[in-house]
């Protein structure tokens, strides 16, 4: 796990947290990075990079009523500390980073697909209806749970720094999605999904690359993200580096 990749992931993570919750309290201490929400029962977004974070995490954790805590696998004591508290569920991912978007290739979508923006916010210009993009994404993965309207509301709640994209077939059906967030010179990629019937044609790779190039054009130089087992190969092909294996603990309010 290269130290430089971990540092870059932590820096980009903190930039995203500050954008998502500008009124929150920033934590940046040895092994622990993130933001505590400003309300009475703070929603946390934390990253634990090593077990030096154990003591400050033990102080913060009892007040954390909701949010996500990402723990890189070397921090086994911290991971156990969170796992021992009731209400936190977990999954795994790979922390990945790109330190230079200028080297990202630009694979094209198949000719029978058209790339368009998604109308995420009420004042967005014309584009694909958010409900159509959500329906396509939820039909492509079991990772998105709950009613479609709730997921659409979550996407609308994201700051204006986030943009969503969709690829439509000749009949106007959404067959793939992707998205990106811009936080100064840092960014992230999200919402990458492909219709099961359209897989195997490099569409996921192309949609991810389109999101990365759009982020670069918006001023992003460095990108961090959490990759699933399926998505990891795409990001490696696009020149990303592994920062480490993650355990992601989440809790709903």
C-alpha atoms as a PDB file:
ATOM      1  CA  UNK A   1       0.000   0.000   0.000  1.00  0.00           C
ATOM      2  CA  UNK A   2       2.061   3.003  -1.230  1.00  0.00           C
ATOM      3  CA  UNK A   3       2.178   5.823   1.329  1.00  0.00           C
ATOM      4  CA  UNK A   4       1.765   8.419  -1.416  1.00  0.00           C
ATOM      5  CA  UNK A   5      -1.459   6.817  -2.612  1.00  0.00           C
ATOM      6  CA  UNK A   6      -2.871   6.717   0.923  1.00  0.00           C
ATOM      7  CA  UNK A   7      -1.989  10.379   1.474  1.00  0.00           C
ATOM      8  CA  UNK A   8      -3.621  11.370  -1.815  1.00  0.00           C
ATOM      9  CA  UNK A   9      -6.738   9.358  -1.013  1.00  0.00           C
ATOM     10  CA  UNK A  10      -6.960  11.026   2.415  1.00  0.00           C
ATOM     11  CA  UNK A  11      -6.511  14.528   0.975  1.00  0.00           C
ATOM     12  CA  UNK A  12      -9.184  13.987  -1.676  1.00  0.00           C
ATOM     13  CA  UNK A  13     -11.515  12.373   0.853  1.00  0.00           C
ATOM     14  CA  UNK A  14     -11.229  15.373   3.170  1.00  0.00           C
ATOM     15  CA  UNK A  15     -11.869  17.810   0.310  1.00  0.00           C
ATOM     16  CA  UNK A  16     -15.038  15.907  -0.585  1.00  0.00           C
ATOM     17  CA  UNK A  17     -16.216  15.814   3.032  1.00  0.00           C
ATOM     18  CA  UNK A  18     -15.784  19.571   3.387  1.00  0.00           C
ATOM     19  CA  UNK A  19     -17.773  20.128   0.202  1.00  0.00           C
ATOM     20  CA  UNK A  20     -20.567  17.831   1.357  1.00  0.00           C
ATOM     21  CA  UNK A  21     -20.809  19.380   4.833  1.00  0.00           C
ATOM     22  CA  UNK A  22     -19.240  22.866   4.838  1.00  0.00           C
ATOM     23  CA  UNK A  23     -20.623  23.624   8.300  1.00  0.00           C
ATOM     24  CA  UNK A  24     -19.193  20.508   9.891  1.00  0.00           C
ATOM     25  CA  UNK A  25     -16.174  20.128  12.143  1.00  0.00           C
ATOM     26  CA  UNK A  26     -13.038  18.985  10.343  1.00  0.00           C
ATOM     27  CA  UNK A  27     -10.916  16.239  11.871  1.00  0.00           C
ATOM     28  CA  UNK A  28      -7.372  15.882  10.581  1.00  0.00           C
ATOM     29  CA  UNK A  29      -5.143  14.074  13.030  1.00  0.00           C
ATOM     30  CA  UNK A  30      -2.750  11.140  12.908  1.00  0.00           C
ATOM     31  CA  UNK A  31      -4.585   8.294  11.210  1.00  0.00           C
ATOM     32  CA  UNK A  32      -8.017   9.970  11.276  1.00  0.00           C
ATOM     33  CA  UNK A  33      -9.534  12.334   8.703  1.00  0.00           C
ATOM     34  CA  UNK A  34     -13.035  13.580   8.015  1.00  0.00           C
ATOM     35  CA  UNK A  35     -15.925  15.758   9.096  1.00  0.00           C
ATOM     36  CA  UNK A  36     -18.430  15.660  11.947  1.00  0.00           C
ATOM     37  CA  UNK A  37     -21.868  17.014  11.126  1.00  0.00           C
ATOM     38  CA  UNK A  38     -22.977  20.240  12.759  1.00  0.00           C
ATOM     39  CA  UNK A  39     -26.297  19.062  14.191  1.00  0.00           C
ATOM     40  CA  UNK A  40     -26.995  17.644  17.658  1.00  0.00           C
ATOM     41  CA  UNK A  41     -26.465  14.035  16.541  1.00  0.00           C
ATOM     42  CA  UNK A  42     -23.612  14.360  14.084  1.00  0.00           C
ATOM     43  CA  UNK A  43     -23.526  12.484  10.836  1.00  0.00           C
ATOM     44  CA  UNK A  44     -19.908  11.458  10.370  1.00  0.00           C
ATOM     45  CA  UNK A  45     -17.758  10.938   7.315  1.00  0.00           C
ATOM     46  CA  UNK A  46     -14.471   9.532   8.563  1.00  0.00           C
ATOM     47  CA  UNK A  47     -11.417   7.827   7.122  1.00  0.00           C
ATOM     48  CA  UNK A  48      -9.116   5.758   9.336  1.00  0.00           C
ATOM     49  CA  UNK A  49      -5.749   5.080   7.736  1.00  0.00           C
ATOM     50  CA  UNK A  50      -4.007   3.339  10.638  1.00  0.00           C
ATOM     51  CA  UNK A  51      -4.411   2.462  14.310  1.00  0.00           C
ATOM     52  CA  UNK A  52      -2.956   5.750  15.530  1.00  0.00           C
ATOM     53  CA  UNK A  53      -6.572   6.868  15.168  1.00  0.00           C
ATOM     54  CA  UNK A  54      -7.813   4.500  17.900  1.00  0.00           C
ATOM     55  CA  UNK A  55      -8.012   6.992  20.788  1.00  0.00           C
ATOM     56  CA  UNK A  56      -9.573   9.931  18.884  1.00  0.00           C
ATOM     57  CA  UNK A  57     -11.972   7.533  17.137  1.00  0.00           C
ATOM     58  CA  UNK A  58     -13.044   6.120  20.510  1.00  0.00           C
ATOM     59  CA  UNK A  59     -13.932   9.670  21.590  1.00  0.00           C
ATOM     60  CA  UNK A  60     -15.916  10.509  18.444  1.00  0.00           C
ATOM     61  CA  UNK A  61     -17.711   7.202  17.914  1.00  0.00           C
ATOM     62  CA  UNK A  62     -20.275   7.291  20.767  1.00  0.00           C
ATOM     63  CA  UNK A  63     -21.816  10.504  19.402  1.00  0.00           C
ATOM     64  CA  UNK A  64     -21.925   9.293  15.789  1.00  0.00           C
ATOM     65  CA  UNK A  65     -25.580   8.605  15.020  1.00  0.00           C
ATOM     66  CA  UNK A  66     -25.258   8.121  11.260  1.00  0.00           C
ATOM     67  CA  UNK A  67     -22.849   8.300   8.355  1.00  0.00           C
ATOM     68  CA  UNK A  68     -19.910   6.276   7.079  1.00  0.00           C
ATOM     69  CA  UNK A  69     -16.552   5.322   8.531  1.00  0.00           C
ATOM     70  CA  UNK A  70     -13.976   4.008   6.077  1.00  0.00           C
ATOM     71  CA  UNK A  71     -11.188   1.954   7.619  1.00  0.00           C
ATOM     72  CA  UNK A  72      -8.112   0.881   5.690  1.00  0.00           C
ATOM     73  CA  UNK A  73      -7.315  -2.724   6.553  1.00  0.00           C
ATOM     74  CA  UNK A  74      -4.033  -2.068   8.421  1.00  0.00           C
ATOM     75  CA  UNK A  75      -6.142  -0.379  11.135  1.00  0.00           C
ATOM     76  CA  UNK A  76      -7.456  -3.630  12.617  1.00  0.00           C
ATOM     77  CA  UNK A  77      -8.003  -2.271  16.143  1.00  0.00           C
ATOM     78  CA  UNK A  78     -10.044   0.628  14.811  1.00  0.00           C
ATOM     79  CA  UNK A  79     -12.075  -1.684  12.594  1.00  0.00           C
ATOM     80  CA  UNK A  80     -12.912  -3.859  15.588  1.00  0.00           C
ATOM     81  CA  UNK A  81     -13.823  -0.782  17.637  1.00  0.00           C
ATOM     82  CA  UNK A  82     -16.491   0.198  15.102  1.00  0.00           C
ATOM     83  CA  UNK A  83     -17.648  -3.380  14.501  1.00  0.00           C
ATOM     84  CA  UNK A  84     -18.309  -3.848  18.221  1.00  0.00           C
ATOM     85  CA  UNK A  85     -20.830  -1.002  18.297  1.00  0.00           C
ATOM     86  CA  UNK A  86     -24.448  -1.867  17.492  1.00  0.00           C
ATOM     87  CA  UNK A  87     -26.064  -0.365  14.416  1.00  0.00           C
ATOM     88  CA  UNK A  88     -23.082  -0.243  12.068  1.00  0.00           C
ATOM     89  CA  UNK A  89     -23.220  -2.473   8.977  1.00  0.00           C
ATOM     90  CA  UNK A  90     -20.205  -3.031   6.755  1.00  0.00           C
ATOM     91  CA  UNK A  91     -19.051  -3.865   3.257  1.00  0.00           C
ATOM     92  CA  UNK A  92     -15.712  -3.866   1.489  1.00  0.00           C
ATOM     93  CA  UNK A  93     -14.159  -1.893  -1.352  1.00  0.00           C
ATOM     94  CA  UNK A  94     -10.774  -0.856  -2.690  1.00  0.00           C
ATOM     95  CA  UNK A  95      -9.542   2.705  -2.186  1.00  0.00           C
ATOM     96  CA  UNK A  96      -8.121   3.923  -5.501  1.00  0.00           C
ATOM     97  CA  UNK A  97      -6.505   7.136  -6.706  1.00  0.00           C
ATOM     98  CA  UNK A  98      -5.403   8.850  -9.884  1.00  0.00           C
ATOM     99  CA  UNK A  99      -2.766  11.503  -9.415  1.00  0.00           C
ATOM    100  CA  UNK A 100      -2.701  12.722 -13.018  1.00  0.00           C
ATOM    101  CA  UNK A 101      -5.887  12.828 -15.092  1.00  0.00           C
ATOM    102  CA  UNK A 102      -3.944  13.940 -18.168  1.00  0.00           C
ATOM    103  CA  UNK A 103      -2.872  10.324 -18.671  1.00  0.00           C
ATOM    104  CA  UNK A 104      -6.402   8.864 -18.599  1.00  0.00           C
ATOM    105  CA  UNK A 105      -7.286   7.321 -21.989  1.00  0.00           C
ATOM    106  CA  UNK A 106     -10.468   8.297 -23.821  1.00  0.00           C
ATOM    107  CA  UNK A 107     -12.287   5.159 -25.014  1.00  0.00           C
ATOM    108  CA  UNK A 108     -15.432   5.882 -27.041  1.00  0.00           C
ATOM    109  CA  UNK A 109     -18.967   4.671 -26.485  1.00  0.00           C
ATOM    110  CA  UNK A 110     -20.439   2.356 -29.129  1.00  0.00           C
ATOM    111  CA  UNK A 111     -22.001   4.238 -32.046  1.00  0.00           C
ATOM    112  CA  UNK A 112     -25.510   3.162 -31.021  1.00  0.00           C
ATOM    113  CA  UNK A 113     -25.307   5.059 -27.714  1.00  0.00           C
ATOM    114  CA  UNK A 114     -25.536   8.816 -27.137  1.00  0.00           C
ATOM    115  CA  UNK A 115     -24.061  10.551 -24.085  1.00  0.00           C
ATOM    116  CA  UNK A 116     -26.217  13.204 -22.388  1.00  0.00           C
ATOM    117  CA  UNK A 117     -26.247  14.997 -19.023  1.00  0.00           C
ATOM    118  CA  UNK A 118     -28.842  14.058 -16.408  1.00  0.00           C
ATOM    119  CA  UNK A 119     -31.232  16.693 -15.042  1.00  0.00           C
ATOM    120  CA  UNK A 120     -30.396  16.184 -11.370  1.00  0.00           C
ATOM    121  CA  UNK A 121     -31.532  19.591 -10.103  1.00  0.00           C
ATOM    122  CA  UNK A 122     -34.624  21.620 -10.973  1.00  0.00           C
ATOM    123  CA  UNK A 123     -32.599  24.381 -12.631  1.00  0.00           C
ATOM    124  CA  UNK A 124     -30.411  22.036 -14.676  1.00  0.00           C
ATOM    125  CA  UNK A 125     -30.681  22.542 -18.459  1.00  0.00           C
ATOM    126  CA  UNK A 126     -32.339  19.937 -20.642  1.00  0.00           C
ATOM    127  CA  UNK A 127     -31.104  16.390 -20.339  1.00  0.00           C
ATOM    128  CA  UNK A 128     -32.153  12.921 -19.251  1.00  0.00           C
ATOM    129  CA  UNK A 129     -34.806  12.744 -16.534  1.00  0.00           C
ATOM    130  CA  UNK A 130     -33.307  11.775 -13.184  1.00  0.00           C
ATOM    131  CA  UNK A 131     -36.042   9.171 -12.672  1.00  0.00           C
ATOM    132  CA  UNK A 132     -34.989   7.402 -15.890  1.00  0.00           C
ATOM    133  CA  UNK A 133     -31.315   7.378 -14.879  1.00  0.00           C
ATOM    134  CA  UNK A 134     -32.199   6.066 -11.416  1.00  0.00           C
ATOM    135  CA  UNK A 135     -34.391   3.303 -12.848  1.00  0.00           C
ATOM    136  CA  UNK A 136     -31.609   2.184 -15.180  1.00  0.00           C
ATOM    137  CA  UNK A 137     -28.995   2.220 -12.417  1.00  0.00           C
ATOM    138  CA  UNK A 138     -31.172   0.261 -10.000  1.00  0.00           C
ATOM    139  CA  UNK A 139     -31.929  -2.367 -12.633  1.00  0.00           C
ATOM    140  CA  UNK A 140     -28.193  -2.780 -13.249  1.00  0.00           C
ATOM    141  CA  UNK A 141     -27.035  -3.382  -9.665  1.00  0.00           C
ATOM    142  CA  UNK A 142     -28.242  -4.770  -6.363  1.00  0.00           C
ATOM    143  CA  UNK A 143     -25.952  -2.379  -4.474  1.00  0.00           C
ATOM    144  CA  UNK A 144     -28.589   0.379  -4.617  1.00  0.00           C
ATOM    145  CA  UNK A 145     -31.361  -0.500  -2.180  1.00  0.00           C
ATOM    146  CA  UNK A 146     -34.631   1.087  -1.137  1.00  0.00           C
ATOM    147  CA  UNK A 147     -37.343   2.740  -3.239  1.00  0.00           C
ATOM    148  CA  UNK A 148     -36.265   4.620  -6.393  1.00  0.00           C
ATOM    149  CA  UNK A 149     -37.728   7.886  -5.097  1.00  0.00           C
ATOM    150  CA  UNK A 150     -35.459   7.725  -2.037  1.00  0.00           C
ATOM    151  CA  UNK A 151     -32.361   7.206  -4.170  1.00  0.00           C
ATOM    152  CA  UNK A 152     -33.412  10.045  -6.467  1.00  0.00           C
ATOM    153  CA  UNK A 153     -33.862  12.293  -3.430  1.00  0.00           C
ATOM    154  CA  UNK A 154     -30.363  11.361  -2.257  1.00  0.00           C
ATOM    155  CA  UNK A 155     -28.890  12.296  -5.640  1.00  0.00           C
ATOM    156  CA  UNK A 156     -30.743  15.623  -5.593  1.00  0.00           C
ATOM    157  CA  UNK A 157     -29.374  16.309  -2.105  1.00  0.00           C
ATOM    158  CA  UNK A 158     -25.767  16.211  -3.317  1.00  0.00           C
ATOM    159  CA  UNK A 159     -24.023  19.590  -3.727  1.00  0.00           C
ATOM    160  CA  UNK A 160     -23.985  21.284  -7.151  1.00  0.00           C
ATOM    161  CA  UNK A 161     -20.385  20.062  -7.472  1.00  0.00           C
ATOM    162  CA  UNK A 162     -21.806  16.711  -8.628  1.00  0.00           C
ATOM    163  CA  UNK A 163     -22.841  15.997 -12.219  1.00  0.00           C
ATOM    164  CA  UNK A 164     -24.459  12.880 -13.667  1.00  0.00           C
ATOM    165  CA  UNK A 165     -24.246  11.419 -17.179  1.00  0.00           C
ATOM    166  CA  UNK A 166     -26.355   8.880 -19.066  1.00  0.00           C
ATOM    167  CA  UNK A 167     -25.953   6.926 -22.300  1.00  0.00           C
ATOM    168  CA  UNK A 168     -29.140   6.428 -24.337  1.00  0.00           C
ATOM    169  CA  UNK A 169     -29.865   3.889 -27.052  1.00  0.00           C
ATOM    170  CA  UNK A 170     -31.624   4.720 -30.317  1.00  0.00           C
ATOM    171  CA  UNK A 171     -35.036   4.421 -28.664  1.00  0.00           C
ATOM    172  CA  UNK A 172     -34.165   6.832 -25.867  1.00  0.00           C
ATOM    173  CA  UNK A 173     -33.687   4.219 -23.141  1.00  0.00           C
ATOM    174  CA  UNK A 174     -30.933   4.749 -20.580  1.00  0.00           C
ATOM    175  CA  UNK A 175     -28.398   1.930 -20.904  1.00  0.00           C
ATOM    176  CA  UNK A 176     -25.541   3.246 -18.753  1.00  0.00           C
ATOM    177  CA  UNK A 177     -24.782   5.964 -16.210  1.00  0.00           C
ATOM    178  CA  UNK A 178     -21.829   7.647 -14.549  1.00  0.00           C
ATOM    179  CA  UNK A 179     -21.159  10.747 -12.494  1.00  0.00           C
ATOM    180  CA  UNK A 180     -18.433  12.877 -11.006  1.00  0.00           C
ATOM    181  CA  UNK A 181     -17.855  15.410  -8.242  1.00  0.00           C
ATOM    182  CA  UNK A 182     -15.522  18.402  -8.285  1.00  0.00           C
ATOM    183  CA  UNK A 183     -13.934  19.705  -5.062  1.00  0.00           C
ATOM    184  CA  UNK A 184     -11.330  22.198  -6.212  1.00  0.00           C
ATOM    185  CA  UNK A 185      -8.409  20.242  -7.641  1.00  0.00           C
ATOM    186  CA  UNK A 186      -9.778  16.994  -6.191  1.00  0.00           C
ATOM    187  CA  UNK A 187     -12.638  14.908  -7.531  1.00  0.00           C
ATOM    188  CA  UNK A 188     -14.430  11.598  -7.456  1.00  0.00           C
ATOM    189  CA  UNK A 189     -16.393   9.294  -9.759  1.00  0.00           C
ATOM    190  CA  UNK A 190     -19.709   7.677  -8.874  1.00  0.00           C
ATOM    191  CA  UNK A 191     -22.947   6.205 -10.267  1.00  0.00           C
ATOM    192  CA  UNK A 192     -21.200   3.948 -12.819  1.00  0.00           C
ATOM    193  CA  UNK A 193     -23.699   1.328 -14.001  1.00  0.00           C
ATOM    194  CA  UNK A 194     -24.358  -0.568 -17.233  1.00  0.00           C
ATOM    195  CA  UNK A 195     -27.490  -2.394 -18.355  1.00  0.00           C
ATOM    196  CA  UNK A 196     -26.740  -6.139 -18.005  1.00  0.00           C
ATOM    197  CA  UNK A 197     -27.757  -6.741 -21.610  1.00  0.00           C
ATOM    198  CA  UNK A 198     -25.231  -4.212 -22.850  1.00  0.00           C
ATOM    199  CA  UNK A 199     -22.189  -5.394 -20.918  1.00  0.00           C
ATOM    200  CA  UNK A 200     -19.050  -6.733 -22.549  1.00  0.00           C
ATOM    201  CA  UNK A 201     -18.761  -3.823 -25.000  1.00  0.00           C
ATOM    202  CA  UNK A 202     -16.520  -1.518 -22.974  1.00  0.00           C
ATOM    203  CA  UNK A 203     -19.408   0.760 -22.017  1.00  0.00           C
ATOM    204  CA  UNK A 204     -18.548   0.936 -18.312  1.00  0.00           C
ATOM    205  CA  UNK A 205     -14.950   1.833 -19.194  1.00  0.00           C
ATOM    206  CA  UNK A 206     -16.090   4.549 -21.612  1.00  0.00           C
ATOM    207  CA  UNK A 207     -18.659   6.016 -19.197  1.00  0.00           C
ATOM    208  CA  UNK A 208     -16.036   6.178 -16.449  1.00  0.00           C
ATOM    209  CA  UNK A 209     -13.546   7.832 -18.790  1.00  0.00           C
ATOM    210  CA  UNK A 210     -16.142  10.404 -19.874  1.00  0.00           C
ATOM    211  CA  UNK A 211     -16.773  11.282 -16.219  1.00  0.00           C
ATOM    212  CA  UNK A 212     -13.034  11.611 -15.552  1.00  0.00           C
ATOM    213  CA  UNK A 213     -12.453  13.834 -18.580  1.00  0.00           C
ATOM    214  CA  UNK A 214     -15.405  16.051 -17.626  1.00  0.00           C
ATOM    215  CA  UNK A 215     -13.950  16.361 -14.120  1.00  0.00           C
ATOM    216  CA  UNK A 216     -10.541  17.234 -15.564  1.00  0.00           C
ATOM    217  CA  UNK A 217     -12.110  19.924 -17.753  1.00  0.00           C
ATOM    218  CA  UNK A 218     -13.693  21.353 -14.580  1.00  0.00           C
ATOM    219  CA  UNK A 219     -10.275  21.732 -12.945  1.00  0.00           C
ATOM    220  CA  UNK A 220      -9.785  18.386 -11.200  1.00  0.00           C
ATOM    221  CA  UNK A 221      -6.233  17.053 -11.088  1.00  0.00           C
ATOM    222  CA  UNK A 222      -6.520  14.195  -8.576  1.00  0.00           C
ATOM    223  CA  UNK A 223      -9.334  11.665  -8.160  1.00  0.00           C
ATOM    224  CA  UNK A 224     -10.101   9.258  -5.340  1.00  0.00           C
ATOM    225  CA  UNK A 225     -12.884   6.701  -5.175  1.00  0.00           C
ATOM    226  CA  UNK A 226     -14.049   3.439  -3.634  1.00  0.00           C
ATOM    227  CA  UNK A 227     -14.063   0.653  -6.206  1.00  0.00           C
ATOM    228  CA  UNK A 228     -16.136  -2.504  -6.057  1.00  0.00           C
ATOM    229  CA  UNK A 229     -14.590  -5.822  -7.053  1.00  0.00           C
ATOM    230  CA  UNK A 230     -16.202  -5.488 -10.481  1.00  0.00           C
ATOM    231  CA  UNK A 231     -15.215  -1.845 -10.947  1.00  0.00           C
ATOM    232  CA  UNK A 232     -11.609  -2.271  -9.822  1.00  0.00           C
ATOM    233  CA  UNK A 233     -10.473  -3.663 -13.179  1.00  0.00           C
ATOM    234  CA  UNK A 234     -11.949  -0.656 -14.987  1.00  0.00           C
ATOM    235  CA  UNK A 235     -10.039   1.822 -12.843  1.00  0.00           C
ATOM    236  CA  UNK A 236      -6.798  -0.117 -13.184  1.00  0.00           C
ATOM    237  CA  UNK A 237      -7.187   0.031 -16.980  1.00  0.00           C
ATOM    238  CA  UNK A 238      -7.634   3.796 -16.672  1.00  0.00           C
ATOM    239  CA  UNK A 239      -4.338   4.150 -14.807  1.00  0.00           C
ATOM    240  CA  UNK A 240      -5.538   4.285 -11.204  1.00  0.00           C
ATOM    241  CA  UNK A 241      -3.409   3.057  -8.299  1.00  0.00           C
ATOM    242  CA  UNK A 242      -4.627   1.037  -5.322  1.00  0.00           C
ATOM    243  CA  UNK A 243      -4.430   2.903  -2.026  1.00  0.00           C
ATOM    244  CA  UNK A 244      -5.576  -0.118  -0.033  1.00  0.00           C
ATOM    245  CA  UNK A 245      -8.429  -2.404   0.967  1.00  0.00           C
ATOM    246  CA  UNK A 246     -11.301  -0.697   2.786  1.00  0.00           C
ATOM    247  CA  UNK A 247     -13.908  -1.785   5.285  1.00  0.00           C
ATOM    248  CA  UNK A 248     -16.794   0.671   5.003  1.00  0.00           C
ATOM    249  CA  UNK A 249     -19.036   0.915   8.047  1.00  0.00           C
ATOM    250  CA  UNK A 250     -22.354   2.709   7.560  1.00  0.00           C
ATOM    251  CA  UNK A 251     -25.266   3.622   9.759  1.00  0.00           C
ATOM    252  CA  UNK A 252     -28.554   5.284   8.877  1.00  0.00           C
ATOM    253  CA  UNK A 253     -30.109   7.877  11.146  1.00  0.00           C
END
